N, C-alpha and C. Protein backbone atom coordinates (compact mmCIF):
# COMPACT_ATOMS: atom_id res chain seq x y z
N MET A 1 18.47 -95.93 -50.90
CA MET A 1 19.42 -95.83 -49.82
C MET A 1 20.83 -95.77 -50.40
N ALA A 2 21.62 -94.87 -49.85
CA ALA A 2 23.02 -94.76 -50.26
C ALA A 2 23.80 -95.98 -49.77
N THR A 3 24.91 -96.24 -50.41
CA THR A 3 25.78 -97.34 -49.99
C THR A 3 26.29 -97.07 -48.58
N PRO A 4 26.17 -98.02 -47.67
CA PRO A 4 26.67 -97.81 -46.31
C PRO A 4 28.18 -97.57 -46.29
N LEU A 5 28.60 -96.76 -45.32
CA LEU A 5 30.02 -96.53 -45.07
C LEU A 5 30.40 -97.30 -43.82
N PHE A 6 31.47 -98.06 -43.91
CA PHE A 6 31.94 -98.87 -42.80
C PHE A 6 33.19 -98.19 -42.23
N HIS A 7 33.10 -97.72 -40.99
CA HIS A 7 34.16 -96.93 -40.37
C HIS A 7 34.99 -97.76 -39.39
N MET A 8 36.30 -97.70 -39.57
CA MET A 8 37.26 -98.16 -38.57
C MET A 8 38.04 -96.92 -38.16
N VAL A 9 38.04 -96.61 -36.89
CA VAL A 9 38.57 -95.34 -36.40
C VAL A 9 39.93 -95.54 -35.76
N SER A 10 40.92 -94.83 -36.27
CA SER A 10 42.25 -94.84 -35.69
C SER A 10 42.17 -94.23 -34.30
N GLY A 11 42.78 -94.89 -33.33
CA GLY A 11 42.76 -94.39 -31.96
C GLY A 11 41.67 -94.99 -31.11
N ALA A 12 40.75 -95.75 -31.71
CA ALA A 12 39.72 -96.46 -30.95
C ALA A 12 40.21 -97.88 -30.67
N PRO A 13 39.74 -98.50 -29.59
CA PRO A 13 40.18 -99.86 -29.29
C PRO A 13 39.88 -100.84 -30.44
N ASP A 14 40.77 -101.79 -30.61
CA ASP A 14 40.55 -102.84 -31.61
C ASP A 14 39.29 -103.62 -31.27
N PRO A 15 38.52 -104.00 -32.28
CA PRO A 15 37.32 -104.80 -32.04
C PRO A 15 37.65 -106.15 -31.39
N VAL A 16 36.71 -106.65 -30.58
CA VAL A 16 36.88 -107.97 -29.97
C VAL A 16 36.31 -109.08 -30.85
N ALA A 17 35.68 -108.68 -31.95
CA ALA A 17 35.06 -109.63 -32.88
C ALA A 17 35.07 -108.98 -34.27
N PRO A 18 34.60 -109.67 -35.29
CA PRO A 18 34.62 -109.11 -36.64
C PRO A 18 33.49 -108.09 -36.86
N PHE A 19 33.76 -106.82 -36.56
CA PHE A 19 32.79 -105.74 -36.79
C PHE A 19 33.51 -104.43 -37.02
N SER A 20 32.77 -103.45 -37.55
CA SER A 20 33.27 -102.10 -37.74
C SER A 20 32.98 -101.29 -36.49
N HIS A 21 33.77 -100.23 -36.26
CA HIS A 21 33.49 -99.33 -35.14
C HIS A 21 32.13 -98.65 -35.31
N ALA A 22 31.81 -98.31 -36.56
CA ALA A 22 30.53 -97.67 -36.85
C ALA A 22 30.17 -97.93 -38.31
N VAL A 23 28.87 -97.93 -38.56
CA VAL A 23 28.36 -98.05 -39.93
C VAL A 23 27.39 -96.91 -40.14
N GLU A 24 27.53 -96.24 -41.29
CA GLU A 24 26.73 -95.06 -41.58
C GLU A 24 25.90 -95.30 -42.84
N ALA A 25 24.62 -94.93 -42.76
CA ALA A 25 23.73 -95.06 -43.90
C ALA A 25 22.73 -93.91 -43.86
N ASP A 26 22.70 -93.13 -44.93
CA ASP A 26 21.75 -92.01 -45.07
C ASP A 26 21.78 -91.06 -43.87
N GLY A 27 22.96 -90.80 -43.35
CA GLY A 27 23.10 -89.87 -42.24
C GLY A 27 22.95 -90.48 -40.87
N TRP A 28 22.48 -91.71 -40.81
CA TRP A 28 22.37 -92.43 -39.53
C TRP A 28 23.68 -93.15 -39.28
N VAL A 29 24.17 -93.07 -38.05
CA VAL A 29 25.43 -93.70 -37.69
C VAL A 29 25.18 -94.66 -36.53
N PHE A 30 25.49 -95.92 -36.76
CA PHE A 30 25.30 -96.97 -35.78
C PHE A 30 26.66 -97.33 -35.20
N VAL A 31 26.88 -96.97 -33.94
CA VAL A 31 28.17 -97.16 -33.29
C VAL A 31 28.14 -98.46 -32.51
N THR A 32 29.07 -99.34 -32.84
CA THR A 32 29.17 -100.63 -32.16
C THR A 32 29.43 -100.43 -30.68
N GLY A 33 28.87 -101.32 -29.86
CA GLY A 33 29.10 -101.27 -28.43
C GLY A 33 30.57 -101.27 -28.10
N GLN A 34 30.95 -100.38 -27.19
CA GLN A 34 32.33 -100.27 -26.78
C GLN A 34 32.51 -100.88 -25.39
N MET A 35 33.68 -101.45 -25.21
CA MET A 35 34.08 -102.05 -23.95
C MET A 35 34.96 -101.05 -23.21
N PRO A 36 35.24 -101.27 -21.94
CA PRO A 36 36.04 -100.32 -21.17
C PRO A 36 37.56 -100.52 -21.28
N PHE A 37 38.04 -100.85 -22.48
CA PHE A 37 39.48 -101.02 -22.67
C PHE A 37 40.19 -99.70 -22.41
N GLU A 38 41.27 -99.77 -21.62
CA GLU A 38 42.06 -98.58 -21.33
C GLU A 38 43.08 -98.30 -22.44
N GLY A 39 43.38 -99.29 -23.24
CA GLY A 39 44.33 -99.13 -24.35
C GLY A 39 43.66 -99.45 -25.66
N LEU A 40 44.46 -99.54 -26.71
CA LEU A 40 43.91 -99.83 -28.03
C LEU A 40 43.77 -101.32 -28.32
N ALA A 41 44.58 -102.14 -27.68
CA ALA A 41 44.51 -103.58 -27.90
C ALA A 41 43.25 -104.14 -27.24
N ASN A 42 42.64 -105.13 -27.89
CA ASN A 42 41.41 -105.69 -27.32
C ASN A 42 41.67 -106.66 -26.18
N ASP A 43 42.90 -106.71 -25.73
CA ASP A 43 43.20 -107.44 -24.50
C ASP A 43 43.77 -106.50 -23.44
N SER A 44 43.58 -105.19 -23.65
CA SER A 44 44.00 -104.19 -22.66
C SER A 44 43.22 -104.39 -21.38
N SER A 45 43.74 -103.83 -20.32
CA SER A 45 43.06 -103.95 -19.03
C SER A 45 41.82 -103.07 -18.98
N TYR A 46 40.95 -103.40 -18.04
CA TYR A 46 39.78 -102.58 -17.71
C TYR A 46 40.07 -101.88 -16.39
N PRO A 47 39.53 -100.67 -16.21
CA PRO A 47 39.65 -100.05 -14.89
C PRO A 47 38.79 -100.80 -13.88
N GLU A 48 39.05 -100.58 -12.61
CA GLU A 48 38.29 -101.23 -11.54
C GLU A 48 36.97 -100.51 -11.29
N GLY A 49 35.89 -101.25 -11.15
CA GLY A 49 34.61 -100.71 -10.72
C GLY A 49 33.74 -100.18 -11.84
N ILE A 50 32.46 -100.14 -11.56
CA ILE A 50 31.48 -99.74 -12.58
C ILE A 50 31.61 -98.27 -12.97
N GLU A 51 31.91 -97.39 -12.03
CA GLU A 51 32.04 -95.97 -12.37
C GLU A 51 33.18 -95.77 -13.36
N ALA A 52 34.35 -96.30 -13.03
CA ALA A 52 35.52 -96.15 -13.90
C ALA A 52 35.30 -96.82 -15.25
N GLN A 53 34.66 -97.99 -15.25
CA GLN A 53 34.40 -98.66 -16.53
C GLN A 53 33.40 -97.87 -17.37
N THR A 54 32.40 -97.27 -16.75
CA THR A 54 31.43 -96.47 -17.51
C THR A 54 32.12 -95.26 -18.13
N HIS A 55 32.95 -94.57 -17.36
CA HIS A 55 33.71 -93.44 -17.91
C HIS A 55 34.56 -93.89 -19.09
N GLN A 56 35.23 -95.03 -18.97
CA GLN A 56 36.11 -95.49 -20.05
C GLN A 56 35.31 -95.85 -21.30
N VAL A 57 34.17 -96.49 -21.12
CA VAL A 57 33.32 -96.81 -22.27
C VAL A 57 32.88 -95.52 -22.96
N MET A 58 32.48 -94.52 -22.20
CA MET A 58 32.05 -93.26 -22.80
C MET A 58 33.22 -92.58 -23.52
N ARG A 59 34.41 -92.64 -22.98
CA ARG A 59 35.58 -92.08 -23.68
C ARG A 59 35.82 -92.83 -24.99
N ASN A 60 35.69 -94.15 -24.96
CA ASN A 60 35.90 -94.93 -26.18
C ASN A 60 34.83 -94.63 -27.22
N LEU A 61 33.60 -94.47 -26.80
CA LEU A 61 32.52 -94.11 -27.73
C LEU A 61 32.78 -92.74 -28.32
N ARG A 62 33.20 -91.80 -27.49
CA ARG A 62 33.48 -90.45 -27.98
C ARG A 62 34.63 -90.47 -28.99
N THR A 63 35.62 -91.32 -28.77
CA THR A 63 36.73 -91.46 -29.72
C THR A 63 36.21 -91.90 -31.08
N VAL A 64 35.31 -92.89 -31.08
CA VAL A 64 34.72 -93.35 -32.35
C VAL A 64 33.94 -92.23 -33.00
N LEU A 65 33.07 -91.58 -32.24
CA LEU A 65 32.26 -90.49 -32.81
C LEU A 65 33.15 -89.38 -33.37
N GLN A 66 34.11 -88.94 -32.60
CA GLN A 66 34.98 -87.85 -33.05
C GLN A 66 35.81 -88.27 -34.26
N GLY A 67 36.14 -89.55 -34.35
CA GLY A 67 36.90 -90.06 -35.48
C GLY A 67 36.15 -89.98 -36.79
N ILE A 68 34.83 -89.83 -36.72
CA ILE A 68 34.02 -89.69 -37.94
C ILE A 68 33.32 -88.34 -37.98
N GLY A 69 33.83 -87.39 -37.20
CA GLY A 69 33.34 -86.02 -37.27
C GLY A 69 32.07 -85.74 -36.50
N LEU A 70 31.75 -86.55 -35.51
CA LEU A 70 30.56 -86.35 -34.68
C LEU A 70 30.97 -86.27 -33.22
N ASP A 71 29.99 -86.06 -32.34
CA ASP A 71 30.24 -86.07 -30.90
C ASP A 71 28.94 -86.49 -30.21
N LEU A 72 28.96 -86.48 -28.89
CA LEU A 72 27.80 -86.95 -28.13
C LEU A 72 26.54 -86.15 -28.41
N GLU A 73 26.67 -84.90 -28.80
CA GLU A 73 25.49 -84.08 -29.11
C GLU A 73 24.69 -84.61 -30.29
N HIS A 74 25.29 -85.47 -31.10
CA HIS A 74 24.61 -86.06 -32.26
C HIS A 74 23.93 -87.39 -31.95
N VAL A 75 24.10 -87.88 -30.74
CA VAL A 75 23.55 -89.19 -30.36
C VAL A 75 22.05 -89.05 -30.07
N VAL A 76 21.27 -89.96 -30.67
CA VAL A 76 19.82 -89.93 -30.49
C VAL A 76 19.29 -91.15 -29.73
N GLN A 77 20.09 -92.20 -29.65
CA GLN A 77 19.64 -93.42 -28.98
C GLN A 77 20.84 -94.17 -28.43
N VAL A 78 20.65 -94.75 -27.25
CA VAL A 78 21.72 -95.47 -26.55
C VAL A 78 21.16 -96.77 -25.99
N ARG A 79 21.99 -97.80 -26.01
CA ARG A 79 21.67 -99.04 -25.29
C ARG A 79 22.82 -99.33 -24.34
N VAL A 80 22.47 -99.62 -23.10
CA VAL A 80 23.44 -99.93 -22.06
C VAL A 80 23.21 -101.38 -21.63
N PHE A 81 24.30 -102.12 -21.53
CA PHE A 81 24.26 -103.51 -21.10
C PHE A 81 25.07 -103.62 -19.81
N LEU A 82 24.44 -104.08 -18.75
CA LEU A 82 25.08 -104.21 -17.45
C LEU A 82 25.14 -105.67 -17.04
N ARG A 83 26.32 -106.11 -16.62
CA ARG A 83 26.48 -107.50 -16.18
C ARG A 83 25.89 -107.73 -14.80
N GLU A 84 25.92 -106.72 -13.95
CA GLU A 84 25.34 -106.83 -12.60
C GLU A 84 24.33 -105.71 -12.42
N PHE A 85 23.18 -105.89 -13.05
CA PHE A 85 22.19 -104.82 -13.18
C PHE A 85 21.81 -104.19 -11.84
N ASP A 86 21.32 -104.98 -10.92
CA ASP A 86 20.84 -104.42 -9.64
C ASP A 86 21.95 -103.72 -8.88
N ALA A 87 23.12 -104.26 -8.87
CA ALA A 87 24.24 -103.69 -8.12
C ALA A 87 24.82 -102.44 -8.77
N HIS A 88 24.74 -102.33 -10.09
CA HIS A 88 25.46 -101.27 -10.80
C HIS A 88 24.58 -100.22 -11.46
N TYR A 89 23.28 -100.41 -11.50
CA TYR A 89 22.39 -99.51 -12.23
C TYR A 89 22.51 -98.06 -11.77
N ALA A 90 22.41 -97.81 -10.50
CA ALA A 90 22.43 -96.43 -9.97
C ALA A 90 23.79 -95.77 -10.23
N ALA A 91 24.87 -96.47 -9.96
CA ALA A 91 26.20 -95.89 -10.15
C ALA A 91 26.48 -95.61 -11.63
N MET A 92 26.08 -96.54 -12.51
CA MET A 92 26.27 -96.32 -13.94
C MET A 92 25.47 -95.10 -14.37
N ASN A 93 24.22 -94.98 -13.90
CA ASN A 93 23.39 -93.84 -14.28
C ASN A 93 24.00 -92.51 -13.87
N ALA A 94 24.60 -92.46 -12.68
CA ALA A 94 25.21 -91.22 -12.21
C ALA A 94 26.34 -90.79 -13.15
N VAL A 95 27.16 -91.74 -13.57
CA VAL A 95 28.25 -91.42 -14.51
C VAL A 95 27.67 -91.07 -15.87
N TYR A 96 26.78 -91.89 -16.39
CA TYR A 96 26.19 -91.68 -17.71
C TYR A 96 25.56 -90.30 -17.82
N ALA A 97 24.81 -89.90 -16.81
CA ALA A 97 24.10 -88.62 -16.84
C ALA A 97 25.06 -87.44 -16.99
N SER A 98 26.29 -87.58 -16.54
CA SER A 98 27.25 -86.48 -16.61
C SER A 98 27.70 -86.19 -18.05
N TYR A 99 27.39 -87.07 -18.99
CA TYR A 99 27.81 -86.88 -20.38
C TYR A 99 26.76 -86.20 -21.25
N PHE A 100 25.55 -86.05 -20.74
CA PHE A 100 24.47 -85.45 -21.52
C PHE A 100 23.75 -84.42 -20.67
N PRO A 101 23.54 -83.21 -21.20
CA PRO A 101 22.84 -82.20 -20.40
C PRO A 101 21.37 -82.58 -20.19
N ALA A 102 20.85 -82.22 -19.03
CA ALA A 102 19.42 -82.45 -18.77
C ALA A 102 18.62 -81.76 -19.87
N GLY A 103 17.56 -82.40 -20.31
CA GLY A 103 16.75 -81.86 -21.39
C GLY A 103 17.29 -82.16 -22.77
N ARG A 104 18.44 -82.83 -22.84
CA ARG A 104 19.05 -83.17 -24.14
C ARG A 104 19.67 -84.56 -24.07
N ARG A 105 18.93 -85.47 -23.44
CA ARG A 105 19.42 -86.84 -23.29
C ARG A 105 18.81 -87.75 -24.35
N PRO A 106 19.62 -88.64 -24.92
CA PRO A 106 19.11 -89.55 -25.95
C PRO A 106 18.08 -90.53 -25.38
N ALA A 107 17.25 -91.07 -26.26
CA ALA A 107 16.41 -92.20 -25.88
C ALA A 107 17.35 -93.32 -25.44
N ARG A 108 16.91 -94.14 -24.48
CA ARG A 108 17.84 -95.14 -23.95
C ARG A 108 17.12 -96.39 -23.47
N THR A 109 17.79 -97.51 -23.65
CA THR A 109 17.39 -98.79 -23.07
C THR A 109 18.57 -99.29 -22.25
N CYS A 110 18.28 -99.87 -21.10
CA CYS A 110 19.33 -100.45 -20.26
C CYS A 110 18.86 -101.84 -19.83
N VAL A 111 19.68 -102.84 -20.10
CA VAL A 111 19.30 -104.21 -19.77
C VAL A 111 20.42 -104.91 -19.01
N GLY A 112 20.02 -105.85 -18.20
CA GLY A 112 20.96 -106.71 -17.52
C GLY A 112 21.27 -107.90 -18.40
N VAL A 113 22.53 -108.32 -18.41
CA VAL A 113 22.97 -109.45 -19.23
C VAL A 113 23.77 -110.40 -18.36
N THR A 114 23.93 -111.62 -18.82
CA THR A 114 24.66 -112.61 -18.04
C THR A 114 26.16 -112.56 -18.26
N GLY A 115 26.60 -111.88 -19.32
CA GLY A 115 28.03 -111.78 -19.57
C GLY A 115 28.32 -110.77 -20.65
N LEU A 116 29.53 -110.22 -20.62
CA LEU A 116 30.01 -109.31 -21.64
C LEU A 116 31.43 -109.72 -22.03
N ALA A 117 31.87 -109.31 -23.21
CA ALA A 117 33.19 -109.69 -23.71
C ALA A 117 34.29 -109.34 -22.71
N ARG A 118 35.19 -110.25 -22.55
CA ARG A 118 36.37 -110.08 -21.71
C ARG A 118 36.02 -109.73 -20.26
N GLY A 119 34.81 -110.08 -19.82
CA GLY A 119 34.42 -109.89 -18.42
C GLY A 119 34.09 -108.46 -18.02
N ALA A 120 33.78 -107.61 -18.99
CA ALA A 120 33.43 -106.22 -18.69
C ALA A 120 32.17 -106.15 -17.83
N LEU A 121 32.05 -105.07 -17.08
CA LEU A 121 30.85 -104.83 -16.29
C LEU A 121 29.79 -104.08 -17.08
N VAL A 122 30.21 -103.32 -18.11
CA VAL A 122 29.29 -102.49 -18.89
C VAL A 122 29.74 -102.43 -20.34
N GLU A 123 28.76 -102.36 -21.23
CA GLU A 123 28.98 -102.11 -22.65
C GLU A 123 27.89 -101.15 -23.09
N ILE A 124 28.23 -100.21 -23.95
CA ILE A 124 27.25 -99.23 -24.43
C ILE A 124 27.40 -99.08 -25.93
N ASP A 125 26.27 -99.08 -26.65
CA ASP A 125 26.29 -98.75 -28.08
C ASP A 125 25.40 -97.54 -28.31
N MET A 126 25.50 -96.95 -29.50
CA MET A 126 24.79 -95.70 -29.78
C MET A 126 24.33 -95.63 -31.22
N VAL A 127 23.30 -94.82 -31.43
CA VAL A 127 22.89 -94.40 -32.76
C VAL A 127 22.98 -92.88 -32.79
N ALA A 128 23.64 -92.35 -33.81
CA ALA A 128 23.77 -90.91 -33.95
C ALA A 128 23.20 -90.50 -35.32
N ARG A 129 22.95 -89.23 -35.45
CA ARG A 129 22.44 -88.69 -36.73
C ARG A 129 23.36 -87.57 -37.16
N ARG A 130 23.89 -87.70 -38.37
CA ARG A 130 24.76 -86.66 -38.91
C ARG A 130 23.90 -85.45 -39.29
N PRO A 131 24.34 -84.23 -38.92
CA PRO A 131 23.57 -83.04 -39.29
C PRO A 131 23.46 -82.90 -40.80
N ALA A 132 22.32 -82.40 -41.24
CA ALA A 132 22.09 -82.24 -42.68
C ALA A 132 22.87 -81.05 -43.23
């Protein structure tokens, strides 16, 4: 295995804990879960509502991916964490689906959790594969 690359991406929100935005090993890229921060500071505000927060998380994830030369088309697996699963599942799915074309959607897990950093409603992480 090649030495892992630890990526911190300029223009992506500051981490809320001690982690890298992404770690890459042998072409696999593990993108840390992003929060719906509207700014770069990890105490920036969140938009109101699950739809707006999901869009912001996806924008933040795309910023990380693009910062290392990838995009959503390279994503092969996603995990979604929802603080209010029953209330937000359908609305989050409607927003999420708009980022991936039908027939080209990553494998995905979605779970309900009791809390997320800074009171977010949603957090999403990803695994991508760098083209050979």
